[in-house]
Amino acid sequence: MPLESHPLFLLGVTKGSSQSAPLRGEVRDRAVAAALRGGSMEDDTWAECQEVAVRIARTAGQMVQEAVNHEKSVSSKSTPTDLVTEADQQVEDLIISTLRERFPSHRFIGEESSAAGEKCVLTDSPTWIIDPIDGTCNFVHSFPMVAVSIGFAVKKELEFGVIYHCFDGTLYTARRGHGAFCNGVRLQVSKEKDVSKALILTEIGAKRDPNTLDIFLGNMKKLLSAPVHGVRIIGSSTLALCHVASGAAEAYYQYGLHCWDIAAAAVIIREAGGCVIDTTGGPLDLMSRRVVAAGSREIADYVVQQLQPINYGRDDHDP
């Protein structure tokens, strides 16, 4: 579908349109509104960015849902299990091209553009971090755990996150300092501190060599021996992390995910009252390809202590 004829025109973005005059008016109006409520114009700008992200995520998610019923062209990237489809690329192109027209000075990190060779570097500039289809393997098999994820960072700090569940239309949103929500209802993590009462989520990662699988299964065995209530794998990092934010699970850990899997969800979990840290127990490093998230710090620390690391390198290093 040509971009000009797509429902994203509802955002007021059309190719070839001149927006300089109305944008000057919008900038003035935002400055006045921010001053009246005691906030900064920058805060008002990021709120506008989040509103745009919500509309784009909904439209992109609807495109993904429609594409599930069509024949899919599937190929692989880093490993035979690291799948990509034409829909991944088309949805990312749509999201980035629309955002770039609206916010031409912003930077972009996208899963498929990074796979195509663009450097994955987080700077101080306002940066959109995009996973067009999280759970591509699920999408290929029509397994209903697929999401569009849009994170936004400024000065290397995550500002907001938007995640849209493509199959059931659930929308998760959060903005730093403003709370986390699921379809407009405030989210609250589980405050369980006893790991023996915890449900833990994880994902396998793209590596399937015997040594990696031994470590992965060994980590799972340690947690199951705690014993925790259970360990679950659903095939979508972003939706698994949203389940932590909603209190449906107590923790999530993974080696091998990417910054676009973590960015939006990290804001949502933190704003729901949870913690998102590195697998070493230190602060989250968005580019490290590893994470532990939990409703309580006690359970996060317990998970950290059980894990044997798996080295996947970094997103910001050349392959």
Protein backbone atom coordinates (compact mmCIF):
# COMPACT_ATOMS: atom_id res chain seq x y z
CA MET A 1 0.00 0.00 0.00
CA PRO A 2 1.50 3.41 -0.90
CA LEU A 3 2.37 5.44 2.19
CA GLU A 4 0.18 8.34 0.97
CA SER A 5 -2.93 6.16 0.97
CA HIS A 6 -2.25 4.51 4.32
CA PRO A 7 -4.34 5.43 7.41
CA LEU A 8 -1.23 7.06 8.89
CA PHE A 9 -2.29 10.15 6.96
CA LEU A 10 -4.46 10.71 10.03
CA LEU A 11 -1.29 11.87 11.74
CA GLY A 12 -1.28 14.86 9.41
CA VAL A 13 1.85 13.66 7.61
CA THR A 14 1.71 13.50 3.82
CA LYS A 15 4.54 13.36 1.36
CA GLY A 16 5.49 16.63 -0.19
CA SER A 17 3.48 18.71 2.28
CA SER A 18 4.97 21.87 3.72
CA GLN A 19 4.65 21.93 7.48
CA SER A 20 6.96 24.78 8.39
CA ALA A 21 4.24 27.40 9.02
CA PRO A 22 1.85 25.23 11.04
CA LEU A 23 4.74 23.72 12.95
CA ARG A 24 5.88 27.19 14.02
CA GLY A 25 2.37 27.76 15.38
CA GLU A 26 2.40 24.39 17.14
CA VAL A 27 5.76 25.16 18.75
CA ARG A 28 4.40 28.48 20.03
CA ASP A 29 1.22 26.89 21.37
CA ARG A 30 3.13 24.10 23.11
CA ALA A 31 5.42 26.64 24.78
CA VAL A 32 2.44 28.58 26.12
CA ALA A 33 0.65 25.41 27.31
CA ALA A 34 3.76 24.10 29.04
CA ALA A 35 4.35 27.43 30.80
CA LEU A 36 0.74 27.55 32.05
CA ARG A 37 0.98 24.12 33.69
CA GLY A 38 4.44 24.72 35.10
CA GLY A 39 6.19 22.22 32.85
CA SER A 40 8.89 22.68 30.23
CA MET A 41 8.41 22.93 26.51
CA GLU A 42 10.68 19.90 26.19
CA ASP A 43 8.30 17.84 28.36
CA ASP A 44 5.42 18.93 26.16
CA THR A 45 7.35 17.92 23.04
CA TRP A 46 8.04 14.40 24.36
CA ALA A 47 4.35 14.05 25.24
CA GLU A 48 3.50 14.89 21.64
CA CYS A 49 6.04 12.33 20.44
CA GLN A 50 4.38 9.67 22.60
CA GLU A 51 0.94 10.51 21.20
CA VAL A 52 2.29 10.09 17.68
CA ALA A 53 3.96 6.80 18.67
CA VAL A 54 0.66 5.43 19.99
CA ARG A 55 -1.14 6.17 16.73
CA ILE A 56 1.65 4.70 14.62
CA ALA A 57 1.89 1.57 16.80
CA ARG A 58 -1.85 0.93 16.46
CA THR A 59 -1.76 1.30 12.69
CA ALA A 60 1.40 -0.79 12.31
CA GLY A 61 -0.08 -3.47 14.58
CA GLN A 62 -3.21 -3.64 12.48
CA MET A 63 -1.04 -4.08 9.38
CA VAL A 64 0.77 -6.97 11.08
CA GLN A 65 -2.50 -8.61 12.07
CA GLU A 66 -3.76 -8.41 8.49
CA ALA A 67 -0.47 -9.82 7.17
CA VAL A 68 -0.78 -12.94 9.37
CA ASN A 69 -3.41 -14.33 7.02
CA HIS A 70 -1.32 -13.86 3.88
CA GLU A 71 1.51 -15.96 2.48
CA LYS A 72 4.78 -14.91 4.08
CA SER A 73 8.20 -14.57 2.49
CA VAL A 74 10.58 -15.80 5.21
CA SER A 75 14.38 -15.62 5.37
CA SER A 76 16.97 -15.72 8.16
CA LYS A 77 19.51 -13.24 9.50
CA SER A 78 22.24 -14.12 12.01
CA THR A 79 21.20 -17.77 12.44
CA PRO A 80 18.67 -20.13 10.83
CA THR A 81 16.34 -19.45 13.80
CA ASP A 82 16.67 -15.64 13.54
CA LEU A 83 13.81 -15.07 11.13
CA VAL A 84 12.73 -12.04 9.12
CA THR A 85 9.80 -11.53 6.76
CA GLU A 86 8.87 -8.92 4.18
CA ALA A 87 6.30 -7.66 6.68
CA ASP A 88 9.05 -6.84 9.22
CA GLN A 89 10.78 -4.66 6.67
CA GLN A 90 7.62 -3.02 5.35
CA VAL A 91 6.29 -2.16 8.81
CA GLU A 92 9.63 -0.72 9.92
CA ASP A 93 9.90 1.35 6.73
CA LEU A 94 6.42 2.72 7.35
CA ILE A 95 7.10 3.60 10.99
CA ILE A 96 10.47 5.25 10.35
CA SER A 97 9.46 7.15 7.21
CA THR A 98 6.40 8.56 8.97
CA LEU A 99 8.34 9.57 12.08
CA ARG A 100 11.18 11.05 10.03
CA GLU A 101 8.78 13.34 8.18
CA ARG A 102 7.25 14.47 11.44
CA PHE A 103 10.52 14.73 13.38
CA PRO A 104 13.33 15.22 10.81
CA SER A 105 16.03 16.01 13.38
CA HIS A 106 15.54 12.77 15.33
CA ARG A 107 17.63 9.62 15.02
CA PHE A 108 16.39 6.05 14.54
CA ILE A 109 17.49 2.56 15.56
CA GLY A 110 15.42 -0.18 13.95
CA GLU A 111 15.79 -3.94 13.98
CA GLU A 112 15.68 -4.42 10.23
CA SER A 113 17.74 -1.36 9.30
CA SER A 114 20.41 -2.53 11.78
CA ALA A 115 20.30 -6.00 10.21
CA ALA A 116 20.84 -4.31 6.84
CA GLY A 117 24.08 -2.73 8.07
CA GLU A 118 23.14 0.57 9.71
CA LYS A 119 25.17 1.22 12.85
CA CYS A 120 23.32 0.76 16.10
CA VAL A 121 24.57 3.71 18.15
CA LEU A 122 22.71 5.57 20.88
CA THR A 123 23.65 9.27 21.08
CA ASP A 124 22.34 12.24 23.07
CA SER A 125 19.96 13.10 20.22
CA PRO A 126 16.26 12.17 20.52
CA THR A 127 16.25 8.58 19.27
CA TRP A 128 13.44 6.21 18.33
CA ILE A 129 14.19 2.52 19.02
CA ILE A 130 11.88 0.32 16.97
CA ASP A 131 10.99 -3.35 16.72
CA PRO A 132 8.40 -3.58 13.93
CA ILE A 133 7.43 -7.18 14.70
CA ASP A 134 8.63 -8.60 17.99
CA GLY A 135 8.02 -12.32 17.87
CA THR A 136 8.71 -12.89 14.18
CA CYS A 137 8.81 -16.68 14.60
CA ASN A 138 5.40 -16.47 16.28
CA PHE A 139 4.18 -14.30 13.40
CA VAL A 140 5.41 -16.83 10.84
CA HIS A 141 3.47 -19.59 12.60
CA SER A 142 0.42 -17.40 13.42
CA PHE A 143 1.09 -17.96 17.12
CA PRO A 144 -0.70 -15.07 18.83
CA MET A 145 2.15 -13.42 20.73
CA VAL A 146 3.36 -10.65 18.42
CA ALA A 147 3.90 -6.96 19.14
CA VAL A 148 5.03 -3.64 17.71
CA SER A 149 7.47 -1.92 20.07
CA ILE A 150 8.48 1.76 19.94
CA GLY A 151 10.87 3.18 22.53
CA PHE A 152 12.18 6.74 22.72
CA ALA A 153 15.39 7.97 24.36
CA VAL A 154 16.79 11.47 24.93
CA LYS A 155 20.38 12.02 26.09
CA LYS A 156 20.68 8.23 26.36
CA GLU A 157 17.82 8.12 28.90
CA LEU A 158 14.66 6.18 28.05
CA GLU A 159 11.77 8.67 27.98
CA PHE A 160 8.73 6.61 26.96
CA GLY A 161 7.63 3.27 25.56
CA VAL A 162 4.69 2.06 23.49
CA ILE A 163 3.95 -1.64 22.86
CA TYR A 164 0.96 -2.83 20.86
CA HIS A 165 -0.18 -6.48 20.95
CA CYS A 166 -1.00 -7.16 17.30
CA PHE A 167 -3.48 -9.99 17.91
CA ASP A 168 -5.70 -8.72 20.73
CA GLY A 169 -5.20 -4.96 20.44
CA THR A 170 -3.79 -4.49 23.94
CA LEU A 171 -1.82 -1.24 24.21
CA TYR A 172 0.90 -0.78 26.82
CA THR A 173 2.26 2.73 27.36
CA ALA A 174 4.52 4.51 29.82
CA ARG A 175 6.38 7.78 30.09
CA ARG A 176 9.13 8.54 32.57
CA GLY A 177 7.61 10.04 35.69
CA HIS A 178 4.04 9.64 34.46
CA GLY A 179 3.15 6.00 35.19
CA ALA A 180 2.51 2.90 33.08
CA PHE A 181 -0.81 1.85 31.60
CA CYS A 182 -2.52 -1.00 29.79
CA ASN A 183 -5.42 0.25 27.67
CA GLY A 184 -5.53 3.31 29.91
CA VAL A 185 -5.59 1.35 33.20
CA ARG A 186 -2.59 1.93 35.48
CA LEU A 187 -0.18 -0.98 35.74
CA GLN A 188 1.36 -2.29 38.97
CA VAL A 189 4.04 -4.97 39.20
CA SER A 190 3.84 -7.90 41.59
CA LYS A 191 5.52 -7.05 44.88
CA GLU A 192 6.19 -10.72 45.69
CA LYS A 193 9.62 -11.10 47.32
CA ASP A 194 9.58 -14.86 47.87
CA VAL A 195 11.08 -16.53 44.80
CA SER A 196 9.37 -19.82 45.66
CA LYS A 197 6.08 -18.09 44.80
CA ALA A 198 7.35 -16.54 41.56
CA LEU A 199 6.53 -17.17 37.92
CA ILE A 200 9.61 -16.46 35.79
CA LEU A 201 9.66 -15.70 32.07
CA THR A 202 12.57 -16.01 29.64
CA GLU A 203 13.48 -16.52 25.97
CA ILE A 204 15.97 -18.88 24.36
CA GLY A 205 17.85 -16.50 22.06
CA ALA A 206 19.09 -17.13 18.54
CA LYS A 207 22.14 -19.27 19.39
CA ARG A 208 21.43 -23.00 19.45
CA ASP A 209 24.91 -24.53 19.62
CA PRO A 210 25.35 -27.27 22.26
CA ASN A 211 27.36 -25.13 24.70
CA THR A 212 24.84 -22.26 24.62
CA LEU A 213 21.93 -24.64 25.06
CA ASP A 214 23.66 -26.30 28.02
CA ILE A 215 24.08 -22.93 29.74
CA PHE A 216 20.52 -21.88 28.92
CA LEU A 217 19.04 -25.11 30.27
CA GLY A 218 21.36 -24.97 33.28
CA ASN A 219 20.11 -21.50 34.17
CA MET A 220 16.53 -22.68 33.88
CA LYS A 221 17.27 -25.75 36.02
CA LYS A 222 18.69 -23.59 38.82
CA LEU A 223 15.55 -21.47 38.91
CA LEU A 224 13.21 -24.46 38.73
CA SER A 225 15.14 -26.00 41.62
CA ALA A 226 14.58 -22.94 43.84
CA PRO A 227 11.78 -23.96 43.38
CA VAL A 228 9.86 -21.24 41.55
CA HIS A 229 6.24 -21.78 40.58
CA GLY A 230 7.30 -22.13 36.95
CA VAL A 231 9.31 -20.85 33.99
CA ARG A 232 7.54 -19.78 30.79
CA ILE A 233 8.66 -18.96 27.23
CA ILE A 234 6.15 -17.12 25.01
CA GLY A 235 8.32 -16.10 22.04
CA SER A 236 8.06 -12.30 22.43
CA SER A 237 10.48 -10.46 24.70
CA THR A 238 8.45 -7.26 24.73
CA LEU A 239 5.17 -8.96 25.66
CA ALA A 240 6.90 -11.10 28.29
CA LEU A 241 8.29 -7.92 29.84
CA CYS A 242 4.81 -6.38 29.74
CA HIS A 243 3.54 -9.38 31.72
CA VAL A 244 6.08 -8.47 34.41
CA ALA A 245 4.82 -4.88 34.34
CA SER A 246 1.22 -6.07 34.75
CA GLY A 247 2.05 -8.32 37.71
CA ALA A 248 1.19 -11.52 35.83
CA ALA A 249 4.79 -12.71 36.26
CA GLU A 250 7.40 -11.83 38.85
CA ALA A 251 10.53 -11.68 36.69
CA TYR A 252 12.10 -11.98 33.25
CA TYR A 253 15.66 -12.67 32.19
CA GLN A 254 17.39 -13.15 28.86
CA TYR A 255 20.71 -13.22 27.09
CA GLY A 256 20.69 -12.43 23.37
CA LEU A 257 17.91 -9.88 23.04
CA HIS A 258 18.49 -6.44 21.47
CA CYS A 259 18.01 -2.83 22.46
CA TRP A 260 14.76 -2.69 20.48
CA ASP A 261 13.43 -5.60 22.56
CA ILE A 262 14.15 -3.78 25.84
CA ALA A 263 13.75 -0.03 25.25
CA ALA A 264 9.98 0.44 25.38
CA ALA A 265 9.37 -2.32 27.92
CA ALA A 266 12.00 -1.02 30.35
CA VAL A 267 10.11 2.26 30.75
CA ILE A 268 6.82 0.39 31.20
CA ILE A 269 8.21 -1.89 33.95
CA ARG A 270 9.94 0.95 35.81
CA GLU A 271 6.84 3.12 35.71
CA ALA A 272 4.79 0.17 36.98
CA GLY A 273 7.07 0.05 40.03
CA GLY A 274 9.51 -2.65 38.96
CA CYS A 275 13.24 -2.78 38.31
CA VAL A 276 15.21 -3.45 35.13
CA ILE A 277 18.90 -4.24 35.59
CA ASP A 278 21.90 -5.90 33.98
CA THR A 279 22.46 -9.63 34.49
CA THR A 280 25.51 -8.68 36.60
CA GLY A 281 23.23 -6.83 39.03
CA GLY A 282 24.39 -3.42 37.87
CA PRO A 283 22.41 -0.75 36.02
CA LEU A 284 20.77 -1.69 32.73
CA ASP A 285 23.06 -1.29 29.72
CA LEU A 286 20.69 -0.96 26.78
CA MET A 287 23.28 -2.17 24.28
CA SER A 288 24.54 -5.16 26.29
CA ARG A 289 22.02 -7.72 24.90
CA ARG A 290 21.11 -8.99 28.36
CA VAL A 291 18.57 -8.07 31.02
CA VAL A 292 16.87 -9.04 34.26
CA ALA A 293 13.54 -7.40 35.08
CA ALA A 294 11.37 -8.01 38.13
CA GLY A 295 8.61 -6.61 40.25
CA SER A 296 10.82 -6.60 43.35
CA ARG A 297 14.55 -6.04 43.73
CA GLU A 298 14.76 -9.14 45.96
CA ILE A 299 13.62 -11.45 43.16
CA ALA A 300 15.76 -9.62 40.59
CA ASP A 301 18.85 -10.14 42.76
CA TYR A 302 18.02 -13.82 43.26
CA VAL A 303 17.72 -14.37 39.50
CA VAL A 304 21.03 -12.57 38.91
CA GLN A 305 22.78 -14.88 41.39
CA GLN A 306 21.60 -18.00 39.53
CA LEU A 307 22.66 -17.03 36.03
CA GLN A 308 25.69 -18.24 34.14
CA PRO A 309 26.35 -15.68 31.37
CA ILE A 310 25.99 -16.28 27.63
CA ASN A 311 28.04 -13.94 25.46
CA TYR A 312 26.12 -12.38 22.58
CA GLY A 313 28.36 -9.34 22.11
CA ARG A 314 26.90 -5.83 22.00
CA ASP A 315 24.45 -4.01 19.76
CA ASP A 316 26.80 -1.01 19.42
CA HIS A 317 29.79 -3.08 18.25
CA ASP A 318 30.45 -3.96 14.65
CA PRO A 319 29.61 -7.61 13.89
